[in-house]
Amino acid sequence: MRIPLIQISDDAVLAGAMNGKVAFAEMIKTIPDEALAPQPLFLDFGSIQVATASYLRESVFALKSYLRSRNSSFYPVIANANPEVWDELSVIAGAKNDAIVTCTLSDEGDATNIELLGNLDPKQQMTFDLVLKFDEVDANSLMEQFGESEKTKGTTAWNNRLASLASRGIIREFTKGRSKFYRPLLMESMHGN
């Protein structure tokens, strides 16, 4: 699903906390109650010239927190942000100690230039990289392959790392019966900053 911010705001300059709160409310209205499977929700910044940190905090990051708190199957991804908007997003991600996936999105819906904006602690970064490398993981498979080298005694540490990344909205969580598995948000190689 794609939400063009130019349609939400009718302006190429997105500024101010109050306007961000209005945009947040508008975005919530456009999102279906639930998707069938966990999927990216592209927040398309195409045609947006400027977005201030206060606007982004009250719209993009508020939406991400809201959707994760509801265990929504939609995961926000920033699409087509110009360098100025990207810099402001980076400021908020750093200030909030948060991370969000960014990409370039074509009119056909193809994602390229996929990156993780923000920082993860070393254990989370390593786990995130493993999800990207293997495309689909669960705590048991990671424990079997990396438990000894990571000095983990059971699957709990891996479960916690994976659940934390999913709760931050940077990997997708799926359920099969009683077990959970995790996949990247977008299927192209991603590189953290």
N, C-alpha and C. Protein backbone atom coordinates (compact mmCIF):
# COMPACT_ATOMS: atom_id res chain seq x y z
N MET A 1 0.85 -1.17 0.00
CA MET A 1 0.00 0.00 0.00
C MET A 1 0.90 1.24 0.00
N ARG A 2 0.46 2.26 -0.73
CA ARG A 2 1.23 3.50 -0.86
C ARG A 2 0.35 4.68 -0.46
N ILE A 3 0.92 5.57 0.38
CA ILE A 3 0.24 6.82 0.74
C ILE A 3 1.11 7.98 0.24
N PRO A 4 0.68 8.66 -0.83
CA PRO A 4 1.44 9.83 -1.30
C PRO A 4 1.21 11.00 -0.35
N LEU A 5 2.29 11.50 0.27
CA LEU A 5 2.13 12.59 1.22
C LEU A 5 1.66 13.88 0.57
N ILE A 6 1.93 14.04 -0.74
CA ILE A 6 1.45 15.24 -1.43
C ILE A 6 -0.08 15.26 -1.46
N GLN A 7 -0.71 14.09 -1.49
CA GLN A 7 -2.18 14.03 -1.45
C GLN A 7 -2.72 14.25 -0.04
N ILE A 8 -1.97 13.84 0.97
CA ILE A 8 -2.39 14.03 2.36
C ILE A 8 -2.35 15.51 2.72
N SER A 9 -1.32 16.22 2.23
CA SER A 9 -1.08 17.59 2.69
C SER A 9 -1.41 18.67 1.68
N ASP A 10 -1.49 18.34 0.39
CA ASP A 10 -1.71 19.33 -0.68
C ASP A 10 -0.64 20.41 -0.69
N ASP A 11 0.56 20.11 -0.20
CA ASP A 11 1.63 21.09 -0.16
C ASP A 11 2.97 20.36 -0.27
N ALA A 12 3.92 20.97 -0.98
CA ALA A 12 5.25 20.37 -1.13
C ALA A 12 6.15 20.68 0.06
N VAL A 13 5.67 21.55 0.97
CA VAL A 13 6.42 21.86 2.19
C VAL A 13 5.60 21.36 3.38
N LEU A 14 6.18 20.41 4.09
CA LEU A 14 5.50 19.80 5.24
C LEU A 14 6.19 20.32 6.50
N ALA A 15 5.49 21.19 7.22
CA ALA A 15 6.12 21.86 8.36
C ALA A 15 5.18 21.92 9.54
N GLY A 16 5.77 21.82 10.74
CA GLY A 16 5.05 22.05 11.97
C GLY A 16 4.45 20.81 12.59
N ALA A 17 4.50 20.76 13.91
CA ALA A 17 3.98 19.62 14.66
C ALA A 17 2.47 19.47 14.46
N MET A 18 1.73 20.58 14.45
CA MET A 18 0.28 20.49 14.30
C MET A 18 -0.10 19.90 12.94
N ASN A 19 0.56 20.36 11.88
CA ASN A 19 0.30 19.79 10.55
C ASN A 19 0.68 18.31 10.51
N GLY A 20 1.73 17.94 11.23
CA GLY A 20 2.11 16.53 11.32
C GLY A 20 1.03 15.70 11.98
N LYS A 21 0.41 16.25 13.04
CA LYS A 21 -0.68 15.53 13.72
C LYS A 21 -1.90 15.37 12.81
N VAL A 22 -2.18 16.40 12.02
CA VAL A 22 -3.29 16.32 11.05
C VAL A 22 -2.98 15.25 10.01
N ALA A 23 -1.75 15.23 9.51
CA ALA A 23 -1.35 14.22 8.52
C ALA A 23 -1.45 12.81 9.11
N PHE A 24 -1.03 12.66 10.37
CA PHE A 24 -1.13 11.37 11.06
C PHE A 24 -2.59 10.89 11.04
N ALA A 25 -3.51 11.76 11.40
CA ALA A 25 -4.94 11.40 11.43
C ALA A 25 -5.43 11.02 10.03
N GLU A 26 -5.00 11.75 9.02
CA GLU A 26 -5.40 11.45 7.64
C GLU A 26 -4.84 10.10 7.18
N MET A 27 -3.59 9.81 7.55
CA MET A 27 -2.99 8.53 7.17
C MET A 27 -3.73 7.37 7.83
N ILE A 28 -4.09 7.53 9.09
CA ILE A 28 -4.82 6.48 9.80
C ILE A 28 -6.13 6.17 9.08
N LYS A 29 -6.79 7.21 8.59
CA LYS A 29 -8.08 7.01 7.89
C LYS A 29 -7.91 6.21 6.60
N THR A 30 -6.75 6.33 5.94
CA THR A 30 -6.58 5.67 4.64
C THR A 30 -6.12 4.22 4.77
N ILE A 31 -5.65 3.83 5.95
CA ILE A 31 -5.12 2.47 6.14
C ILE A 31 -6.27 1.52 6.44
N PRO A 32 -6.38 0.42 5.68
CA PRO A 32 -7.41 -0.56 5.99
C PRO A 32 -7.20 -1.12 7.40
N ASP A 33 -8.27 -1.65 7.98
CA ASP A 33 -8.16 -2.19 9.33
C ASP A 33 -7.05 -3.22 9.44
N GLU A 34 -6.95 -4.08 8.49
CA GLU A 34 -5.89 -5.07 8.55
C GLU A 34 -5.63 -5.64 7.17
N ALA A 35 -4.39 -5.99 6.94
CA ALA A 35 -3.98 -6.65 5.70
C ALA A 35 -4.01 -8.15 5.93
N LEU A 36 -3.98 -8.89 4.87
CA LEU A 36 -3.97 -10.34 5.00
C LEU A 36 -2.63 -10.85 5.51
N ALA A 37 -1.55 -10.24 5.05
CA ALA A 37 -0.21 -10.66 5.46
C ALA A 37 0.60 -9.42 5.81
N PRO A 38 1.60 -9.56 6.68
CA PRO A 38 2.46 -8.42 6.98
C PRO A 38 3.06 -7.84 5.71
N GLN A 39 2.98 -6.53 5.56
CA GLN A 39 3.45 -5.89 4.33
C GLN A 39 3.88 -4.46 4.58
N PRO A 40 4.73 -3.93 3.66
CA PRO A 40 5.16 -2.54 3.80
C PRO A 40 4.01 -1.56 3.52
N LEU A 41 4.04 -0.46 4.22
CA LEU A 41 3.14 0.67 3.97
C LEU A 41 4.05 1.81 3.52
N PHE A 42 4.05 2.09 2.22
CA PHE A 42 4.96 3.09 1.68
C PHE A 42 4.42 4.49 1.92
N LEU A 43 5.18 5.30 2.64
CA LEU A 43 4.88 6.71 2.82
C LEU A 43 5.71 7.43 1.76
N ASP A 44 5.03 7.81 0.67
CA ASP A 44 5.70 8.31 -0.52
C ASP A 44 5.91 9.82 -0.44
N PHE A 45 7.18 10.21 -0.35
CA PHE A 45 7.55 11.62 -0.26
C PHE A 45 7.86 12.22 -1.63
N GLY A 46 7.51 11.51 -2.72
CA GLY A 46 7.70 12.07 -4.05
C GLY A 46 6.96 13.41 -4.13
N SER A 47 7.56 14.42 -4.78
CA SER A 47 7.01 15.78 -4.93
C SER A 47 7.09 16.62 -3.66
N ILE A 48 7.56 16.05 -2.56
CA ILE A 48 7.72 16.83 -1.33
C ILE A 48 9.12 17.45 -1.35
N GLN A 49 9.18 18.78 -1.18
CA GLN A 49 10.47 19.48 -1.21
C GLN A 49 11.13 19.50 0.16
N VAL A 50 10.33 19.79 1.19
CA VAL A 50 10.85 19.96 2.54
C VAL A 50 9.88 19.32 3.53
N ALA A 51 10.43 18.67 4.55
CA ALA A 51 9.63 18.18 5.67
C ALA A 51 10.42 18.45 6.93
N THR A 52 9.84 19.19 7.86
CA THR A 52 10.57 19.53 9.08
C THR A 52 10.56 18.37 10.06
N ALA A 53 11.53 18.39 10.96
CA ALA A 53 11.64 17.34 11.98
C ALA A 53 10.37 17.25 12.82
N SER A 54 9.80 18.40 13.19
CA SER A 54 8.59 18.36 14.03
C SER A 54 7.42 17.73 13.27
N TYR A 55 7.29 18.02 11.99
CA TYR A 55 6.24 17.40 11.17
C TYR A 55 6.46 15.88 11.11
N LEU A 56 7.68 15.47 10.82
CA LEU A 56 7.98 14.04 10.67
C LEU A 56 7.78 13.29 11.99
N ARG A 57 8.15 13.91 13.10
CA ARG A 57 7.97 13.28 14.41
C ARG A 57 6.49 12.99 14.67
N GLU A 58 5.62 13.97 14.36
CA GLU A 58 4.19 13.84 14.67
C GLU A 58 3.41 13.07 13.61
N SER A 59 4.01 12.82 12.45
CA SER A 59 3.31 12.08 11.40
C SER A 59 3.95 10.71 11.21
N VAL A 60 5.12 10.65 10.60
CA VAL A 60 5.77 9.39 10.25
C VAL A 60 6.08 8.54 11.48
N PHE A 61 6.80 9.12 12.44
CA PHE A 61 7.22 8.32 13.60
C PHE A 61 6.04 8.03 14.53
N ALA A 62 5.08 8.94 14.59
CA ALA A 62 3.87 8.67 15.38
C ALA A 62 3.07 7.52 14.74
N LEU A 63 2.99 7.52 13.41
CA LEU A 63 2.28 6.45 12.71
C LEU A 63 2.98 5.11 12.93
N LYS A 64 4.29 5.11 12.83
CA LYS A 64 5.06 3.88 13.05
C LYS A 64 4.80 3.33 14.46
N SER A 65 4.86 4.20 15.46
CA SER A 65 4.61 3.77 16.85
C SER A 65 3.19 3.25 17.02
N TYR A 66 2.24 3.96 16.44
CA TYR A 66 0.83 3.57 16.54
C TYR A 66 0.60 2.19 15.92
N LEU A 67 1.10 1.98 14.71
CA LEU A 67 0.89 0.70 14.04
C LEU A 67 1.57 -0.45 14.78
N ARG A 68 2.78 -0.21 15.30
CA ARG A 68 3.47 -1.27 16.03
C ARG A 68 2.75 -1.56 17.35
N SER A 69 2.21 -0.55 18.02
CA SER A 69 1.52 -0.78 19.29
C SER A 69 0.24 -1.60 19.08
N ARG A 70 -0.31 -1.53 17.89
CA ARG A 70 -1.52 -2.31 17.57
C ARG A 70 -1.19 -3.65 16.92
N ASN A 71 0.11 -3.97 16.80
CA ASN A 71 0.53 -5.17 16.08
C ASN A 71 -0.07 -5.25 14.69
N SER A 72 -0.15 -4.12 14.04
CA SER A 72 -0.68 -4.04 12.69
C SER A 72 0.18 -4.87 11.74
N SER A 73 -0.43 -5.33 10.65
CA SER A 73 0.36 -6.03 9.64
C SER A 73 0.95 -5.04 8.62
N PHE A 74 0.76 -3.73 8.85
CA PHE A 74 1.39 -2.71 8.00
C PHE A 74 2.63 -2.17 8.69
N TYR A 75 3.72 -2.08 7.94
CA TYR A 75 5.01 -1.60 8.44
C TYR A 75 5.43 -0.39 7.60
N PRO A 76 5.46 0.81 8.19
CA PRO A 76 5.82 2.01 7.41
C PRO A 76 7.24 1.96 6.85
N VAL A 77 7.33 2.37 5.58
CA VAL A 77 8.60 2.49 4.86
C VAL A 77 8.60 3.86 4.19
N ILE A 78 9.69 4.60 4.33
CA ILE A 78 9.82 5.91 3.69
C ILE A 78 10.22 5.69 2.24
N ALA A 79 9.46 6.27 1.31
CA ALA A 79 9.77 6.13 -0.11
C ALA A 79 10.00 7.50 -0.75
N ASN A 80 10.98 7.54 -1.63
CA ASN A 80 11.22 8.70 -2.50
C ASN A 80 11.49 10.00 -1.75
N ALA A 81 12.15 9.93 -0.61
CA ALA A 81 12.51 11.14 0.13
C ALA A 81 13.75 11.77 -0.50
N ASN A 82 13.70 13.08 -0.73
CA ASN A 82 14.87 13.77 -1.26
C ASN A 82 15.91 13.93 -0.14
N PRO A 83 17.14 14.35 -0.45
CA PRO A 83 18.18 14.44 0.58
C PRO A 83 17.81 15.33 1.77
N GLU A 84 17.09 16.42 1.54
CA GLU A 84 16.71 17.31 2.63
C GLU A 84 15.74 16.61 3.59
N VAL A 85 14.75 15.92 3.04
CA VAL A 85 13.79 15.19 3.87
C VAL A 85 14.51 14.05 4.59
N TRP A 86 15.39 13.37 3.88
CA TRP A 86 16.15 12.26 4.46
C TRP A 86 16.95 12.74 5.66
N ASP A 87 17.59 13.92 5.53
CA ASP A 87 18.37 14.46 6.65
C ASP A 87 17.48 14.71 7.87
N GLU A 88 16.30 15.27 7.66
CA GLU A 88 15.38 15.53 8.78
C GLU A 88 14.91 14.22 9.42
N LEU A 89 14.62 13.22 8.58
CA LEU A 89 14.25 11.90 9.10
C LEU A 89 15.39 11.32 9.95
N SER A 90 16.60 11.51 9.49
CA SER A 90 17.77 11.02 10.21
C SER A 90 17.90 11.68 11.57
N VAL A 91 17.62 12.99 11.63
CA VAL A 91 17.68 13.72 12.91
C VAL A 91 16.69 13.11 13.90
N ILE A 92 15.46 12.88 13.45
CA ILE A 92 14.42 12.32 14.34
C ILE A 92 14.78 10.88 14.74
N ALA A 93 15.23 10.08 13.78
CA ALA A 93 15.60 8.70 14.11
C ALA A 93 16.70 8.69 15.17
N GLY A 94 17.67 9.58 15.03
CA GLY A 94 18.74 9.65 16.02
C GLY A 94 18.25 10.12 17.37
N ALA A 95 17.41 11.16 17.37
CA ALA A 95 16.89 11.71 18.63
C ALA A 95 16.02 10.70 19.36
N LYS A 96 15.26 9.90 18.61
CA LYS A 96 14.35 8.93 19.21
C LYS A 96 15.03 7.57 19.41
N ASN A 97 16.31 7.46 19.00
CA ASN A 97 17.00 6.17 19.02
C ASN A 97 16.15 5.12 18.31
N ASP A 98 15.68 5.49 17.13
CA ASP A 98 14.77 4.66 16.36
C ASP A 98 15.39 4.38 14.99
N ALA A 99 14.76 3.54 14.23
CA ALA A 99 15.21 3.21 12.88
C ALA A 99 13.98 3.01 12.01
N ILE A 100 14.15 3.30 10.71
CA ILE A 100 13.07 3.10 9.76
C ILE A 100 13.68 2.74 8.42
N VAL A 101 12.99 1.94 7.64
CA VAL A 101 13.47 1.52 6.33
C VAL A 101 13.08 2.58 5.31
N THR A 102 14.03 2.88 4.40
CA THR A 102 13.78 3.84 3.32
C THR A 102 14.07 3.17 1.98
N CYS A 103 13.46 3.72 0.92
CA CYS A 103 13.72 3.18 -0.42
C CYS A 103 13.33 4.20 -1.48
N THR A 104 13.69 3.87 -2.70
CA THR A 104 13.16 4.55 -3.87
C THR A 104 12.09 3.62 -4.42
N LEU A 105 10.91 4.17 -4.70
CA LEU A 105 9.78 3.35 -5.15
C LEU A 105 9.32 3.83 -6.51
N SER A 106 9.29 2.92 -7.47
CA SER A 106 8.85 3.28 -8.82
C SER A 106 7.33 3.37 -8.88
N ASP A 107 6.81 3.93 -9.96
CA ASP A 107 5.36 3.99 -10.15
C ASP A 107 4.75 2.59 -10.18
N GLU A 108 5.55 1.61 -10.60
CA GLU A 108 5.07 0.22 -10.67
C GLU A 108 5.16 -0.48 -9.32
N GLY A 109 5.75 0.18 -8.33
CA GLY A 109 5.84 -0.42 -7.00
C GLY A 109 7.11 -1.19 -6.75
N ASP A 110 8.13 -1.03 -7.61
CA ASP A 110 9.41 -1.70 -7.40
C ASP A 110 10.28 -0.86 -6.47
N ALA A 111 10.79 -1.50 -5.41
CA ALA A 111 11.63 -0.81 -4.44
C ALA A 111 13.11 -1.04 -4.75
N THR A 112 13.89 0.03 -4.76
CA THR A 112 15.33 -0.03 -4.95
C THR A 112 15.97 0.90 -3.93
N ASN A 113 17.29 0.92 -3.89
CA ASN A 113 18.03 1.79 -2.96
C ASN A 113 17.52 1.66 -1.53
N ILE A 114 17.32 0.42 -1.11
CA ILE A 114 16.75 0.15 0.22
C ILE A 114 17.83 0.34 1.27
N GLU A 115 17.52 1.13 2.29
CA GLU A 115 18.47 1.39 3.37
C GLU A 115 17.74 1.43 4.70
N LEU A 116 18.51 1.20 5.75
CA LEU A 116 18.00 1.36 7.10
C LEU A 116 18.48 2.71 7.61
N LEU A 117 17.55 3.58 7.95
CA LEU A 117 17.87 4.90 8.47
C LEU A 117 17.79 4.83 9.99
N GLY A 118 18.86 5.18 10.67
CA GLY A 118 18.92 5.08 12.12
C GLY A 118 19.95 4.04 12.52
N ASN A 119 20.08 3.84 13.80
CA ASN A 119 21.10 2.92 14.31
C ASN A 119 20.48 1.82 15.16
N LEU A 120 21.12 0.68 15.12
CA LEU A 120 20.76 -0.45 15.97
C LEU A 120 21.96 -0.77 16.85
N ASP A 121 21.70 -1.35 18.02
CA ASP A 121 22.84 -1.79 18.82
C ASP A 121 23.49 -2.98 18.10
N PRO A 122 24.73 -3.31 18.44
CA PRO A 122 25.45 -4.35 17.68
C PRO A 122 24.72 -5.69 17.59
N LYS A 123 24.09 -6.15 18.67
CA LYS A 123 23.37 -7.44 18.63
C LYS A 123 22.15 -7.36 17.70
N GLN A 124 21.42 -6.24 17.78
CA GLN A 124 20.27 -6.07 16.89
C GLN A 124 20.71 -5.96 15.44
N GLN A 125 21.80 -5.22 15.20
CA GLN A 125 22.30 -5.07 13.83
C GLN A 125 22.68 -6.43 13.25
N MET A 126 23.38 -7.25 14.06
CA MET A 126 23.78 -8.57 13.60
C MET A 126 22.54 -9.43 13.28
N THR A 127 21.55 -9.37 14.15
CA THR A 127 20.33 -10.15 13.94
C THR A 127 19.58 -9.64 12.70
N PHE A 128 19.50 -8.31 12.55
CA PHE A 128 18.88 -7.70 11.37
C PHE A 128 19.59 -8.18 10.10
N ASP A 129 20.91 -8.16 10.10
CA ASP A 129 21.69 -8.61 8.94
C ASP A 129 21.42 -10.08 8.62
N LEU A 130 21.25 -10.91 9.65
CA LEU A 130 20.95 -12.33 9.42
C LEU A 130 19.57 -12.51 8.79
N VAL A 131 18.59 -11.70 9.21
CA VAL A 131 17.26 -11.77 8.59
C VAL A 131 17.39 -11.43 7.10
N LEU A 132 18.16 -10.39 6.79
CA LEU A 132 18.34 -10.01 5.39
C LEU A 132 19.06 -11.10 4.61
N LYS A 133 20.07 -11.68 5.21
CA LYS A 133 20.88 -12.70 4.53
C LYS A 133 20.06 -13.94 4.20
N PHE A 134 19.27 -14.41 5.17
CA PHE A 134 18.55 -15.67 4.99
C PHE A 134 17.13 -15.50 4.50
N ASP A 135 16.63 -14.28 4.43
CA ASP A 135 15.31 -13.96 3.91
C ASP A 135 14.17 -14.39 4.83
N GLU A 136 14.35 -15.50 5.54
CA GLU A 136 13.33 -15.94 6.49
C GLU A 136 14.03 -16.69 7.61
N VAL A 137 13.79 -16.25 8.86
CA VAL A 137 14.44 -16.89 10.00
C VAL A 137 13.44 -17.08 11.13
N ASP A 138 13.81 -17.93 12.06
CA ASP A 138 13.11 -18.03 13.33
C ASP A 138 14.18 -18.18 14.41
N ALA A 139 13.78 -18.08 15.65
CA ALA A 139 14.74 -18.12 16.76
C ALA A 139 15.48 -19.45 16.81
N ASN A 140 14.78 -20.55 16.53
CA ASN A 140 15.43 -21.87 16.58
C ASN A 140 16.53 -22.01 15.55
N SER A 141 16.27 -21.57 14.31
CA SER A 141 17.29 -21.71 13.27
C SER A 141 18.50 -20.84 13.58
N LEU A 142 18.28 -19.64 14.13
CA LEU A 142 19.40 -18.78 14.48
C LEU A 142 20.20 -19.37 15.64
N MET A 143 19.49 -19.95 16.60
CA MET A 143 20.17 -20.59 17.74
C MET A 143 21.04 -21.75 17.25
N GLU A 144 20.49 -22.57 16.36
CA GLU A 144 21.23 -23.72 15.85
C GLU A 144 22.49 -23.28 15.11
N GLN A 145 22.37 -22.22 14.30
CA GLN A 145 23.50 -21.81 13.46
C GLN A 145 24.49 -20.89 14.17
N PHE A 146 24.00 -20.05 15.09
CA PHE A 146 24.86 -19.00 15.64
C PHE A 146 24.91 -18.98 17.17
N GLY A 147 24.20 -19.90 17.82
CA GLY A 147 24.16 -19.92 19.28
C GLY A 147 25.53 -20.05 19.91
N GLU A 148 26.34 -20.96 19.36
CA GLU A 148 27.66 -21.18 19.94
C GLU A 148 28.56 -19.96 19.76
N SER A 149 28.60 -19.40 18.53
CA SER A 149 29.47 -18.24 18.29
C SER A 149 28.98 -17.01 19.06
N GLU A 150 27.69 -16.93 19.31
CA GLU A 150 27.13 -15.79 20.05
C GLU A 150 27.05 -16.06 21.56
N LYS A 151 27.44 -17.27 21.95
CA LYS A 151 27.40 -17.66 23.36
C LYS A 151 26.00 -17.54 23.98
N THR A 152 24.99 -17.90 23.18
CA THR A 152 23.62 -17.92 23.70
C THR A 152 23.28 -19.36 24.05
N LYS A 153 22.61 -19.54 25.17
CA LYS A 153 22.32 -20.89 25.69
C LYS A 153 20.98 -21.45 25.20
N GLY A 154 20.09 -20.57 24.72
CA GLY A 154 18.79 -21.03 24.27
C GLY A 154 18.19 -20.05 23.28
N THR A 155 16.96 -20.31 22.91
CA THR A 155 16.33 -19.48 21.88
C THR A 155 15.80 -18.16 22.42
N THR A 156 15.72 -17.99 23.74
CA THR A 156 15.12 -16.78 24.31
C THR A 156 15.80 -15.51 23.81
N ALA A 157 17.12 -15.49 23.80
CA ALA A 157 17.84 -14.30 23.33
C ALA A 157 17.49 -13.98 21.88
N TRP A 158 17.43 -15.03 21.05
CA TRP A 158 17.09 -14.83 19.64
C TRP A 158 15.64 -14.37 19.50
N ASN A 159 14.74 -14.99 20.25
CA ASN A 159 13.34 -14.54 20.23
C ASN A 159 13.24 -13.07 20.58
N ASN A 160 13.96 -12.67 21.64
CA ASN A 160 13.91 -11.27 22.08
C ASN A 160 14.45 -10.32 21.02
N ARG A 161 15.56 -10.69 20.40
CA ARG A 161 16.14 -9.83 19.36
C ARG A 161 15.19 -9.68 18.17
N LEU A 162 14.65 -10.81 17.72
CA LEU A 162 13.74 -10.77 16.57
C LEU A 162 12.47 -10.00 16.89
N ALA A 163 11.89 -10.25 18.07
CA ALA A 163 10.68 -9.53 18.46
C ALA A 163 10.93 -8.04 18.59
N SER A 164 12.11 -7.68 19.08
CA SER A 164 12.46 -6.27 19.21
C SER A 164 12.56 -5.59 17.85
N LEU A 165 13.19 -6.26 16.88
CA LEU A 165 13.29 -5.69 15.53
C LEU A 165 11.90 -5.55 14.90
N ALA A 166 11.04 -6.54 15.11
CA ALA A 166 9.67 -6.45 14.57
C ALA A 166 8.90 -5.34 15.25
N SER A 167 9.08 -5.19 16.56
CA SER A 167 8.35 -4.14 17.28
C SER A 167 8.85 -2.75 16.88
N ARG A 168 10.07 -2.67 16.40
CA ARG A 168 10.59 -1.41 15.87
C ARG A 168 10.13 -1.17 14.44
N GLY A 169 9.50 -2.17 13.84
CA GLY A 169 8.93 -2.00 12.51
C GLY A 169 9.93 -2.10 11.38
N ILE A 170 11.06 -2.79 11.59
CA ILE A 170 12.05 -2.87 10.52
C ILE A 170 12.21 -4.27 9.94
N ILE A 171 11.53 -5.26 10.53
CA ILE A 171 11.35 -6.58 9.90
C ILE A 171 9.90 -6.99 10.12
N ARG A 172 9.43 -7.91 9.27
CA ARG A 172 8.03 -8.37 9.38
C ARG A 172 7.96 -9.65 10.20
N GLU A 173 6.92 -9.74 11.03
CA GLU A 173 6.69 -10.92 11.86
C GLU A 173 5.49 -11.70 11.31
N PHE A 174 5.67 -12.99 11.12
CA PHE A 174 4.62 -13.89 10.64
C PHE A 174 4.38 -14.96 11.69
N THR A 175 3.19 -15.50 11.70
CA THR A 175 2.87 -16.59 12.62
C THR A 175 2.39 -17.80 11.83
N LYS A 176 2.95 -18.97 12.17
CA LYS A 176 2.50 -20.26 11.63
C LYS A 176 2.16 -21.11 12.83
N GLY A 177 0.88 -21.30 13.09
CA GLY A 177 0.50 -22.05 14.28
C GLY A 177 0.97 -21.31 15.51
N ARG A 178 1.79 -21.96 16.33
CA ARG A 178 2.30 -21.33 17.54
C ARG A 178 3.69 -20.74 17.35
N SER A 179 4.28 -20.96 16.18
CA SER A 179 5.64 -20.46 15.97
C SER A 179 5.64 -19.18 15.15
N LYS A 180 6.70 -18.38 15.35
CA LYS A 180 6.84 -17.12 14.64
C LYS A 180 8.09 -17.18 13.78
N PHE A 181 8.00 -16.54 12.62
CA PHE A 181 9.18 -16.38 11.80
C PHE A 181 9.20 -14.95 11.27
N TYR A 182 10.36 -14.54 10.78
CA TYR A 182 10.59 -13.14 10.46
C TYR A 182 11.22 -13.01 9.08
N ARG A 183 10.82 -11.94 8.38
CA ARG A 183 11.34 -11.67 7.03
C ARG A 183 11.66 -10.18 6.90
N PRO A 184 12.52 -9.82 5.95
CA PRO A 184 12.78 -8.40 5.71
C PRO A 184 11.51 -7.68 5.24
N LEU A 185 11.47 -6.37 5.43
CA LEU A 185 10.33 -5.59 4.92
C LEU A 185 10.31 -5.59 3.41
N LEU A 186 11.47 -5.40 2.80
CA LEU A 186 11.58 -5.32 1.35
C LEU A 186 12.65 -6.29 0.88
N MET A 187 12.46 -6.79 -0.33
CA MET A 187 13.30 -7.88 -0.80
C MET A 187 14.40 -7.42 -1.76
N GLU A 188 15.27 -6.57 -1.30
CA GLU A 188 16.49 -6.22 -2.04
C GLU A 188 17.55 -6.10 -0.96
N SER A 189 18.80 -6.24 -1.33
CA SER A 189 19.82 -6.13 -0.29
C SER A 189 19.75 -4.73 0.34
N MET A 190 19.83 -4.72 1.66
CA MET A 190 19.78 -3.47 2.40
C MET A 190 21.10 -3.29 3.12
N HIS A 191 21.48 -2.04 3.29
CA HIS A 191 22.72 -1.73 3.97
C HIS A 191 22.45 -0.68 5.02
N GLY A 192 22.78 -0.97 6.27
CA GLY A 192 22.62 0.01 7.35
C GLY A 192 23.64 1.12 7.21
N ASN A 193 23.37 2.22 7.83
CA ASN A 193 24.32 3.35 7.78
C ASN A 193 25.24 3.36 8.96
